């Protein structure tokens, strides 16, 4: 499914999604954060699984700096039952997620962002303008061999009031599984 990607400078699309904690989350829930990270995620993708601990570390390292993070699963759960809402709840509990994990059942949110992969990162500043889009870092398989920490670099530069030196990278991972 072809969707148009958000461009740098675009405003955060509106959404209203249910989290694995059964709470409703909209973009307004996150107004208290200077920076909001939105990651399109899922349960079954090995790329996502490889990044889970790194994502939790980012949340811990930046939460005191006004940075919030949410993960959204938009995958078709008929063809990929491991990505069902119930299985999202199980994974979030097993992995002790420290961020809201939301279900995009209609896939409208993924379409609004132009998301195509998991994991795929979108970083919004205090005005909720898109400032970074792409991948977390440059080595999904071997964390100890990461040379470029794109997401952390973007966060640091934003927090320091600087322009982001690498505002876009190509997201690698599994494709979002669209409904027929």
N, C-alpha and C. Protein backbone atom coordinates (compact mmCIF):
# COMPACT_ATOMS: atom_id res chain seq x y z
N UNK A 1 0.85 -1.18 0.00
CA UNK A 1 0.00 0.00 0.00
C UNK A 1 0.89 1.24 0.00
N UNK A 2 0.69 2.08 -0.96
CA UNK A 2 1.48 3.32 -1.07
C UNK A 2 0.82 4.40 -0.22
N UNK A 3 1.60 4.99 0.65
CA UNK A 3 1.12 6.12 1.44
C UNK A 3 2.16 7.22 1.31
N UNK A 4 1.72 8.46 1.45
CA UNK A 4 2.66 9.57 1.35
C UNK A 4 3.26 9.83 2.72
N UNK A 5 4.59 9.80 2.78
CA UNK A 5 5.29 10.01 4.04
C UNK A 5 5.16 11.46 4.49
N UNK A 6 5.10 11.64 5.80
CA UNK A 6 5.18 12.99 6.35
C UNK A 6 6.53 13.58 5.97
N UNK A 7 6.54 14.83 5.65
CA UNK A 7 7.79 15.51 5.34
C UNK A 7 8.27 16.26 6.58
N UNK A 8 9.58 16.47 6.65
CA UNK A 8 10.14 17.24 7.76
C UNK A 8 9.41 18.59 7.81
N UNK A 9 8.99 18.98 9.00
CA UNK A 9 8.22 20.21 9.18
C UNK A 9 6.72 19.98 9.25
N UNK A 10 6.25 18.78 8.86
CA UNK A 10 4.82 18.46 8.94
C UNK A 10 4.36 18.40 10.39
N UNK A 11 3.11 18.71 10.61
CA UNK A 11 2.54 18.63 11.95
C UNK A 11 2.14 17.20 12.30
N UNK A 12 2.19 16.90 13.59
CA UNK A 12 1.79 15.59 14.10
C UNK A 12 0.34 15.32 13.71
N UNK A 13 0.09 14.21 13.01
CA UNK A 13 -1.30 13.86 12.68
C UNK A 13 -2.09 13.53 13.95
N UNK A 14 -3.36 13.83 13.92
CA UNK A 14 -4.22 13.48 15.05
C UNK A 14 -4.46 11.98 15.11
N UNK A 15 -4.67 11.47 16.30
CA UNK A 15 -4.98 10.05 16.47
C UNK A 15 -5.72 9.86 17.78
N UNK A 16 -6.43 8.77 17.88
CA UNK A 16 -7.09 8.35 19.11
C UNK A 16 -7.05 6.83 19.12
N UNK A 17 -6.13 6.27 19.92
CA UNK A 17 -5.86 4.84 19.90
C UNK A 17 -5.91 4.26 21.30
N UNK A 18 -6.19 2.99 21.38
CA UNK A 18 -6.24 2.30 22.66
C UNK A 18 -4.89 1.67 22.96
N UNK A 19 -4.43 1.87 24.21
CA UNK A 19 -3.17 1.29 24.64
C UNK A 19 -3.39 -0.08 25.26
N UNK A 20 -2.28 -0.81 25.45
CA UNK A 20 -2.37 -2.14 26.06
C UNK A 20 -2.85 -2.06 27.51
N UNK A 21 -2.85 -0.85 28.09
CA UNK A 21 -3.39 -0.63 29.43
C UNK A 21 -4.89 -0.31 29.38
N UNK A 22 -5.48 -0.44 28.18
CA UNK A 22 -6.91 -0.18 27.91
C UNK A 22 -7.30 1.28 28.05
N UNK A 23 -6.34 2.18 28.13
CA UNK A 23 -6.62 3.62 28.14
C UNK A 23 -6.64 4.12 26.70
N UNK A 24 -7.38 5.21 26.50
CA UNK A 24 -7.42 5.87 25.19
C UNK A 24 -6.34 6.95 25.17
N UNK A 25 -5.59 6.99 24.08
CA UNK A 25 -4.53 7.97 23.91
C UNK A 25 -4.78 8.77 22.63
N UNK A 26 -4.73 10.08 22.75
CA UNK A 26 -4.77 10.95 21.58
C UNK A 26 -3.49 11.78 21.60
N UNK A 27 -3.27 12.53 20.54
CA UNK A 27 -2.08 13.38 20.49
C UNK A 27 -2.09 14.38 21.65
N UNK A 28 -3.28 14.75 22.14
CA UNK A 28 -3.39 15.72 23.24
C UNK A 28 -2.87 15.17 24.57
N UNK A 29 -2.87 13.86 24.72
CA UNK A 29 -2.37 13.24 25.95
C UNK A 29 -0.90 13.58 26.18
N UNK A 30 -0.18 13.87 25.11
CA UNK A 30 1.27 14.03 25.17
C UNK A 30 1.72 15.49 25.14
N UNK A 31 0.82 16.43 25.43
CA UNK A 31 1.16 17.85 25.34
C UNK A 31 2.23 18.27 26.35
N UNK A 32 2.41 17.53 27.42
CA UNK A 32 3.39 17.90 28.43
C UNK A 32 4.84 17.63 28.04
N UNK A 33 5.04 16.97 26.92
CA UNK A 33 6.40 16.64 26.48
C UNK A 33 6.95 17.69 25.52
N UNK A 34 8.22 18.05 25.70
CA UNK A 34 8.90 18.95 24.76
C UNK A 34 9.09 18.26 23.42
N UNK A 35 9.38 16.97 23.50
CA UNK A 35 9.63 16.17 22.29
C UNK A 35 8.81 14.90 22.39
N UNK A 36 8.20 14.50 21.28
CA UNK A 36 7.43 13.26 21.23
C UNK A 36 8.00 12.36 20.15
N UNK A 37 8.35 11.15 20.55
CA UNK A 37 8.82 10.13 19.62
C UNK A 37 7.66 9.17 19.36
N UNK A 38 7.35 8.95 18.09
CA UNK A 38 6.35 7.97 17.70
C UNK A 38 7.08 6.88 16.90
N UNK A 39 6.97 5.65 17.38
CA UNK A 39 7.60 4.52 16.67
C UNK A 39 6.51 3.57 16.22
N UNK A 40 6.49 3.27 14.94
CA UNK A 40 5.60 2.24 14.44
C UNK A 40 6.29 0.91 14.69
N UNK A 41 5.59 0.04 15.38
CA UNK A 41 6.15 -1.17 15.99
C UNK A 41 5.23 -2.35 15.71
N UNK A 42 5.62 -3.50 16.16
CA UNK A 42 4.76 -4.68 16.16
C UNK A 42 5.39 -5.72 17.07
N UNK A 43 4.81 -6.89 17.13
CA UNK A 43 5.34 -7.95 17.98
C UNK A 43 6.27 -8.90 17.23
N UNK A 44 5.92 -9.23 15.98
CA UNK A 44 6.58 -10.36 15.32
C UNK A 44 7.88 -10.02 14.59
N UNK A 45 8.13 -8.77 14.27
CA UNK A 45 9.28 -8.40 13.44
C UNK A 45 10.60 -8.55 14.20
N UNK A 46 11.56 -9.29 13.64
CA UNK A 46 12.85 -9.44 14.32
C UNK A 46 13.61 -8.12 14.49
N UNK A 47 13.40 -7.16 13.60
CA UNK A 47 14.04 -5.85 13.74
C UNK A 47 13.50 -5.15 14.99
N UNK A 48 12.18 -5.16 15.14
CA UNK A 48 11.56 -4.54 16.31
C UNK A 48 12.05 -5.23 17.58
N UNK A 49 12.05 -6.55 17.56
CA UNK A 49 12.49 -7.30 18.74
C UNK A 49 13.93 -6.95 19.11
N UNK A 50 14.78 -6.79 18.10
CA UNK A 50 16.19 -6.46 18.35
C UNK A 50 16.34 -5.08 19.00
N UNK A 51 15.38 -4.20 18.75
CA UNK A 51 15.47 -2.83 19.28
C UNK A 51 14.72 -2.61 20.59
N UNK A 52 13.98 -3.57 21.07
CA UNK A 52 13.13 -3.34 22.25
C UNK A 52 13.91 -2.83 23.46
N UNK A 53 15.01 -3.43 23.78
CA UNK A 53 15.79 -2.98 24.95
C UNK A 53 16.39 -1.60 24.71
N UNK A 54 16.81 -1.31 23.49
CA UNK A 54 17.36 0.01 23.17
C UNK A 54 16.29 1.08 23.29
N UNK A 55 15.08 0.76 22.86
CA UNK A 55 13.98 1.73 22.97
C UNK A 55 13.67 2.00 24.44
N UNK A 56 13.63 0.97 25.25
CA UNK A 56 13.39 1.16 26.68
C UNK A 56 14.50 2.01 27.31
N UNK A 57 15.73 1.80 26.89
CA UNK A 57 16.85 2.61 27.40
C UNK A 57 16.71 4.07 26.99
N UNK A 58 16.26 4.32 25.77
CA UNK A 58 16.04 5.70 25.32
C UNK A 58 14.98 6.37 26.20
N UNK A 59 13.88 5.65 26.47
CA UNK A 59 12.84 6.20 27.34
C UNK A 59 13.43 6.56 28.70
N UNK A 60 14.18 5.64 29.28
CA UNK A 60 14.78 5.91 30.60
C UNK A 60 15.77 7.06 30.56
N UNK A 61 16.58 7.13 29.52
CA UNK A 61 17.62 8.15 29.44
C UNK A 61 17.07 9.55 29.17
N UNK A 62 15.90 9.65 28.55
CA UNK A 62 15.38 10.96 28.13
C UNK A 62 14.11 11.40 28.85
N UNK A 63 13.53 10.54 29.69
CA UNK A 63 12.25 10.91 30.31
C UNK A 63 12.37 12.14 31.20
N UNK A 64 13.50 12.32 31.86
CA UNK A 64 13.70 13.49 32.70
C UNK A 64 14.00 14.76 31.93
N UNK A 65 14.09 14.64 30.62
CA UNK A 65 14.41 15.80 29.76
C UNK A 65 13.19 16.26 28.96
N UNK A 66 12.02 15.74 29.30
CA UNK A 66 10.81 16.17 28.61
C UNK A 66 10.54 15.46 27.31
N UNK A 67 11.08 14.24 27.18
CA UNK A 67 10.90 13.46 25.95
C UNK A 67 9.94 12.30 26.25
N UNK A 68 8.91 12.18 25.45
CA UNK A 68 7.97 11.07 25.56
C UNK A 68 8.07 10.17 24.35
N UNK A 69 7.68 8.92 24.52
CA UNK A 69 7.74 7.95 23.42
C UNK A 69 6.49 7.09 23.46
N UNK A 70 5.92 6.87 22.28
CA UNK A 70 4.83 5.92 22.14
C UNK A 70 5.16 4.99 20.99
N UNK A 71 4.67 3.76 21.09
CA UNK A 71 4.80 2.79 20.02
C UNK A 71 3.40 2.46 19.53
N UNK A 72 3.26 2.34 18.21
CA UNK A 72 1.97 2.07 17.60
C UNK A 72 2.10 0.83 16.71
N UNK A 73 1.20 -0.13 16.93
CA UNK A 73 1.16 -1.33 16.09
C UNK A 73 -0.04 -1.22 15.16
N UNK A 74 0.25 -1.14 13.87
CA UNK A 74 -0.79 -1.01 12.85
C UNK A 74 -0.98 -2.27 12.02
N UNK A 75 -0.24 -3.32 12.32
CA UNK A 75 -0.27 -4.52 11.48
C UNK A 75 -1.63 -5.21 11.46
N UNK A 76 -1.92 -5.82 10.32
CA UNK A 76 -3.08 -6.69 10.16
C UNK A 76 -2.91 -7.86 11.12
N UNK A 77 -3.88 -8.03 12.01
CA UNK A 77 -3.76 -9.13 12.97
C UNK A 77 -4.50 -10.39 12.54
N UNK A 78 -5.12 -10.34 11.37
CA UNK A 78 -5.74 -11.56 10.82
C UNK A 78 -4.63 -12.42 10.20
N UNK A 79 -3.85 -11.82 9.33
CA UNK A 79 -2.74 -12.53 8.70
C UNK A 79 -1.56 -12.72 9.64
N UNK A 80 -1.48 -11.86 10.67
CA UNK A 80 -0.37 -11.90 11.62
C UNK A 80 -0.94 -11.89 13.04
N UNK A 81 -1.52 -13.03 13.48
CA UNK A 81 -2.19 -13.07 14.78
C UNK A 81 -1.28 -12.73 15.96
N UNK A 82 0.03 -12.89 15.79
CA UNK A 82 0.93 -12.53 16.88
C UNK A 82 0.92 -11.03 17.14
N UNK A 83 0.37 -10.24 16.21
CA UNK A 83 0.27 -8.80 16.38
C UNK A 83 -1.11 -8.35 16.87
N UNK A 84 -1.93 -9.29 17.34
CA UNK A 84 -3.25 -8.94 17.87
C UNK A 84 -3.12 -8.09 19.13
N UNK A 85 -4.20 -7.40 19.46
CA UNK A 85 -4.20 -6.55 20.65
C UNK A 85 -3.91 -7.37 21.90
N UNK A 86 -4.50 -8.56 22.01
CA UNK A 86 -4.24 -9.41 23.17
C UNK A 86 -2.76 -9.80 23.25
N UNK A 87 -2.17 -10.13 22.12
CA UNK A 87 -0.74 -10.49 22.11
C UNK A 87 0.16 -9.28 22.35
N UNK A 88 -0.31 -8.09 21.97
CA UNK A 88 0.43 -6.86 22.31
C UNK A 88 0.49 -6.71 23.83
N UNK A 89 -0.64 -6.97 24.50
CA UNK A 89 -0.68 -6.87 25.96
C UNK A 89 0.31 -7.84 26.60
N UNK A 90 0.35 -9.05 26.06
CA UNK A 90 1.27 -10.06 26.59
C UNK A 90 2.72 -9.63 26.40
N UNK A 91 3.05 -9.16 25.19
CA UNK A 91 4.43 -8.77 24.91
C UNK A 91 4.85 -7.58 25.76
N UNK A 92 3.99 -6.59 25.88
CA UNK A 92 4.32 -5.40 26.68
C UNK A 92 4.60 -5.79 28.13
N UNK A 93 3.82 -6.74 28.65
CA UNK A 93 4.02 -7.18 30.03
C UNK A 93 5.30 -8.01 30.15
N UNK A 94 5.49 -8.96 29.23
CA UNK A 94 6.69 -9.82 29.26
C UNK A 94 7.97 -9.01 29.15
N UNK A 95 7.95 -7.99 28.29
CA UNK A 95 9.15 -7.19 28.02
C UNK A 95 9.22 -5.95 28.91
N UNK A 96 8.20 -5.78 29.75
CA UNK A 96 8.19 -4.66 30.69
C UNK A 96 8.35 -3.31 29.98
N UNK A 97 7.52 -3.10 28.97
CA UNK A 97 7.58 -1.84 28.22
C UNK A 97 7.34 -0.67 29.16
N UNK A 98 8.14 0.37 29.00
CA UNK A 98 8.03 1.58 29.83
C UNK A 98 7.48 2.75 29.02
N UNK A 99 6.65 2.44 28.06
CA UNK A 99 6.05 3.43 27.17
C UNK A 99 4.68 2.92 26.75
N UNK A 100 3.77 3.81 26.36
CA UNK A 100 2.47 3.37 25.86
C UNK A 100 2.63 2.60 24.54
N UNK A 101 1.95 1.48 24.45
CA UNK A 101 1.96 0.63 23.25
C UNK A 101 0.52 0.62 22.76
N UNK A 102 0.28 1.23 21.61
CA UNK A 102 -1.06 1.51 21.11
C UNK A 102 -1.42 0.67 19.90
N UNK A 103 -2.70 0.36 19.77
CA UNK A 103 -3.20 -0.43 18.65
C UNK A 103 -3.90 0.47 17.64
N UNK A 104 -3.46 0.40 16.39
CA UNK A 104 -4.05 1.13 15.27
C UNK A 104 -4.84 0.13 14.43
N UNK A 105 -5.98 -0.27 14.94
CA UNK A 105 -6.79 -1.33 14.32
C UNK A 105 -7.19 -0.97 12.90
N UNK A 106 -7.56 0.29 12.66
CA UNK A 106 -8.04 0.70 11.34
C UNK A 106 -6.90 0.96 10.36
N UNK A 107 -5.69 1.08 10.86
CA UNK A 107 -4.50 1.43 10.09
C UNK A 107 -4.51 2.87 9.59
N UNK A 108 -5.50 3.66 10.02
CA UNK A 108 -5.60 5.05 9.59
C UNK A 108 -4.44 5.90 10.11
N UNK A 109 -3.95 5.59 11.30
CA UNK A 109 -2.84 6.37 11.86
C UNK A 109 -1.57 6.12 11.06
N UNK A 110 -1.28 4.87 10.75
CA UNK A 110 -0.10 4.55 9.93
C UNK A 110 -0.19 5.26 8.58
N UNK A 111 -1.38 5.27 8.01
CA UNK A 111 -1.57 5.94 6.72
C UNK A 111 -1.36 7.45 6.85
N UNK A 112 -1.84 8.04 7.94
CA UNK A 112 -1.69 9.49 8.15
C UNK A 112 -0.21 9.88 8.27
N UNK A 113 0.59 9.01 8.87
CA UNK A 113 2.02 9.26 9.00
C UNK A 113 2.78 8.90 7.73
N UNK A 114 2.19 8.04 6.91
CA UNK A 114 2.91 7.52 5.76
C UNK A 114 3.91 6.46 6.19
N UNK A 115 3.66 5.82 7.32
CA UNK A 115 4.56 4.79 7.85
C UNK A 115 4.50 3.56 6.94
N UNK A 116 5.64 2.93 6.78
CA UNK A 116 5.72 1.73 5.93
C UNK A 116 6.45 0.57 6.59
N UNK A 117 7.22 0.85 7.63
CA UNK A 117 8.07 -0.19 8.24
C UNK A 117 7.91 -0.25 9.76
N UNK A 118 8.38 -1.35 10.31
CA UNK A 118 8.55 -1.49 11.76
C UNK A 118 9.97 -1.95 12.00
N UNK A 119 10.72 -1.27 12.85
CA UNK A 119 10.39 -0.01 13.50
C UNK A 119 10.64 1.18 12.57
N UNK A 120 9.79 2.17 12.67
CA UNK A 120 9.95 3.42 11.92
C UNK A 120 9.68 4.57 12.89
N UNK A 121 10.63 5.49 12.96
CA UNK A 121 10.62 6.54 13.99
C UNK A 121 10.25 7.90 13.40
N UNK A 122 9.40 8.62 14.14
CA UNK A 122 9.03 10.00 13.83
C UNK A 122 9.24 10.81 15.11
N UNK A 123 10.01 11.89 15.04
CA UNK A 123 10.28 12.74 16.22
C UNK A 123 9.70 14.12 15.97
N UNK A 124 8.86 14.56 16.93
CA UNK A 124 8.19 15.86 16.84
C UNK A 124 8.68 16.77 17.94
N UNK A 125 8.89 18.04 17.60
CA UNK A 125 9.35 19.02 18.58
C UNK A 125 8.18 19.57 19.40
N UNK A 126 8.42 20.61 20.19
CA UNK A 126 7.39 21.17 21.08
C UNK A 126 6.21 21.76 20.31
N UNK A 127 6.43 22.16 19.06
CA UNK A 127 5.33 22.67 18.22
C UNK A 127 4.65 21.53 17.49
N UNK A 128 5.12 20.31 17.76
CA UNK A 128 4.65 19.08 17.11
C UNK A 128 4.89 19.08 15.61
N UNK A 129 6.03 19.66 15.25
CA UNK A 129 6.50 19.60 13.86
C UNK A 129 7.51 18.46 13.75
N UNK A 130 7.41 17.71 12.68
CA UNK A 130 8.32 16.59 12.45
C UNK A 130 9.73 17.10 12.23
N UNK A 131 10.65 16.61 13.05
CA UNK A 131 12.04 17.06 12.95
C UNK A 131 13.01 15.94 12.57
N UNK A 132 12.62 14.68 12.85
CA UNK A 132 13.44 13.53 12.47
C UNK A 132 12.52 12.40 12.04
N UNK A 133 12.95 11.69 11.00
CA UNK A 133 12.21 10.52 10.53
C UNK A 133 13.21 9.48 10.06
N UNK A 134 13.04 8.25 10.53
CA UNK A 134 13.91 7.19 10.03
C UNK A 134 14.12 6.07 11.02
N UNK A 135 15.39 5.67 11.12
CA UNK A 135 15.72 4.51 11.95
C UNK A 135 16.36 4.94 13.27
N UNK A 136 16.47 3.98 14.16
CA UNK A 136 16.98 4.24 15.51
C UNK A 136 18.50 4.40 15.47
N UNK A 137 19.16 3.49 14.80
CA UNK A 137 20.61 3.56 14.65
C UNK A 137 21.01 2.75 13.43
N UNK A 138 22.30 2.53 13.24
CA UNK A 138 22.76 1.90 12.00
C UNK A 138 23.14 0.42 12.12
N UNK A 139 22.75 -0.25 13.22
CA UNK A 139 23.05 -1.67 13.31
C UNK A 139 22.00 -2.37 14.16
N UNK A 140 20.99 -2.87 13.53
CA UNK A 140 19.90 -3.50 14.27
C UNK A 140 20.32 -4.83 14.88
N UNK A 141 21.31 -5.50 14.27
CA UNK A 141 21.68 -6.83 14.73
C UNK A 141 22.67 -6.84 15.89
N UNK A 142 23.63 -5.92 15.86
CA UNK A 142 24.69 -5.93 16.86
C UNK A 142 24.83 -4.55 17.50
N UNK A 143 24.19 -4.41 18.64
CA UNK A 143 24.17 -3.11 19.32
C UNK A 143 25.57 -2.60 19.62
N UNK A 144 26.49 -3.49 19.93
CA UNK A 144 27.85 -3.07 20.27
C UNK A 144 28.64 -2.58 19.06
N UNK A 145 28.07 -2.73 17.86
CA UNK A 145 28.76 -2.26 16.66
C UNK A 145 28.07 -1.05 16.02
N UNK A 146 27.17 -0.42 16.77
CA UNK A 146 26.49 0.78 16.28
C UNK A 146 27.50 1.91 16.15
N UNK A 147 27.55 2.53 14.98
CA UNK A 147 28.43 3.67 14.75
C UNK A 147 27.65 4.99 14.75
N UNK A 148 26.38 4.94 14.33
CA UNK A 148 25.56 6.14 14.24
C UNK A 148 24.26 5.95 15.02
N UNK A 149 24.10 6.74 16.06
CA UNK A 149 22.90 6.67 16.90
C UNK A 149 21.94 7.78 16.46
N UNK A 150 21.35 7.60 15.30
CA UNK A 150 20.55 8.65 14.67
C UNK A 150 19.47 9.24 15.58
N UNK A 151 18.69 8.39 16.24
CA UNK A 151 17.60 8.88 17.08
C UNK A 151 18.16 9.65 18.28
N UNK A 152 19.13 9.10 18.97
CA UNK A 152 19.71 9.80 20.12
C UNK A 152 20.36 11.12 19.69
N UNK A 153 21.04 11.11 18.55
CA UNK A 153 21.66 12.34 18.06
C UNK A 153 20.60 13.40 17.79
N UNK A 154 19.50 13.00 17.16
CA UNK A 154 18.41 13.94 16.86
C UNK A 154 17.83 14.50 18.15
N UNK A 155 17.63 13.65 19.15
CA UNK A 155 17.09 14.11 20.42
C UNK A 155 18.04 15.10 21.10
N UNK A 156 19.31 14.75 21.13
CA UNK A 156 20.31 15.64 21.76
C UNK A 156 20.35 17.00 21.06
N UNK A 157 20.35 16.98 19.73
CA UNK A 157 20.41 18.24 18.98
C UNK A 157 19.15 19.07 19.22
N UNK A 158 17.99 18.43 19.23
CA UNK A 158 16.74 19.15 19.52
C UNK A 158 16.76 19.77 20.92
N UNK A 159 17.19 18.98 21.89
CA UNK A 159 17.23 19.47 23.27
C UNK A 159 18.22 20.62 23.43
N UNK A 160 19.25 20.66 22.60
CA UNK A 160 20.24 21.75 22.65
C UNK A 160 19.84 22.93 21.76
N UNK A 161 18.67 22.83 21.12
CA UNK A 161 18.20 23.91 20.27
C UNK A 161 18.91 24.00 18.94
N UNK A 162 19.53 22.93 18.52
CA UNK A 162 20.28 22.91 17.26
C UNK A 162 19.42 22.32 16.14
N UNK A 163 19.84 22.60 14.91
CA UNK A 163 19.25 21.92 13.77
C UNK A 163 19.70 20.46 13.80
N UNK A 164 18.84 19.58 13.37
CA UNK A 164 19.21 18.16 13.35
C UNK A 164 20.12 17.92 12.15
N UNK A 165 21.31 17.38 12.42
CA UNK A 165 22.31 17.20 11.37
C UNK A 165 21.91 16.14 10.35
N UNK A 166 21.20 15.09 10.80
CA UNK A 166 20.71 14.05 9.88
C UNK A 166 19.21 13.90 10.16
N UNK A 167 18.38 14.73 9.48
CA UNK A 167 16.95 14.72 9.79
C UNK A 167 16.19 13.52 9.22
N UNK A 168 16.77 12.84 8.24
CA UNK A 168 16.10 11.69 7.66
C UNK A 168 17.08 10.58 7.36
N UNK A 169 16.66 9.36 7.69
CA UNK A 169 17.38 8.15 7.32
C UNK A 169 16.35 7.18 6.76
N UNK A 170 16.82 6.16 6.08
CA UNK A 170 15.90 5.18 5.52
C UNK A 170 15.59 4.13 6.58
N UNK A 171 14.31 3.97 6.89
CA UNK A 171 13.90 2.97 7.88
C UNK A 171 14.08 1.58 7.32
N UNK A 172 14.71 0.73 8.12
CA UNK A 172 14.82 -0.67 7.75
C UNK A 172 13.98 -1.47 8.72
N UNK A 173 13.54 -2.62 8.29
CA UNK A 173 12.75 -3.47 9.16
C UNK A 173 11.72 -4.21 8.33
N UNK A 174 10.70 -4.68 9.00
CA UNK A 174 9.61 -5.38 8.33
C UNK A 174 8.63 -4.34 7.80
N UNK A 175 7.98 -4.67 6.72
CA UNK A 175 6.97 -3.76 6.20
C UNK A 175 5.71 -3.87 7.06
N UNK A 176 4.98 -2.79 7.15
CA UNK A 176 3.68 -2.84 7.84
C UNK A 176 2.80 -3.80 7.05
N UNK A 177 2.11 -4.65 7.75
CA UNK A 177 1.24 -5.65 7.12
C UNK A 177 -0.15 -5.06 6.99
N UNK A 178 -0.46 -4.66 5.74
CA UNK A 178 -1.73 -3.98 5.46
C UNK A 178 -2.87 -4.98 5.32
N UNK A 179 -4.04 -4.55 5.74
CA UNK A 179 -5.24 -5.37 5.56
C UNK A 179 -5.64 -5.37 4.09
N UNK A 180 -6.25 -6.45 3.65
CA UNK A 180 -6.73 -6.53 2.26
C UNK A 180 -8.00 -5.73 2.07
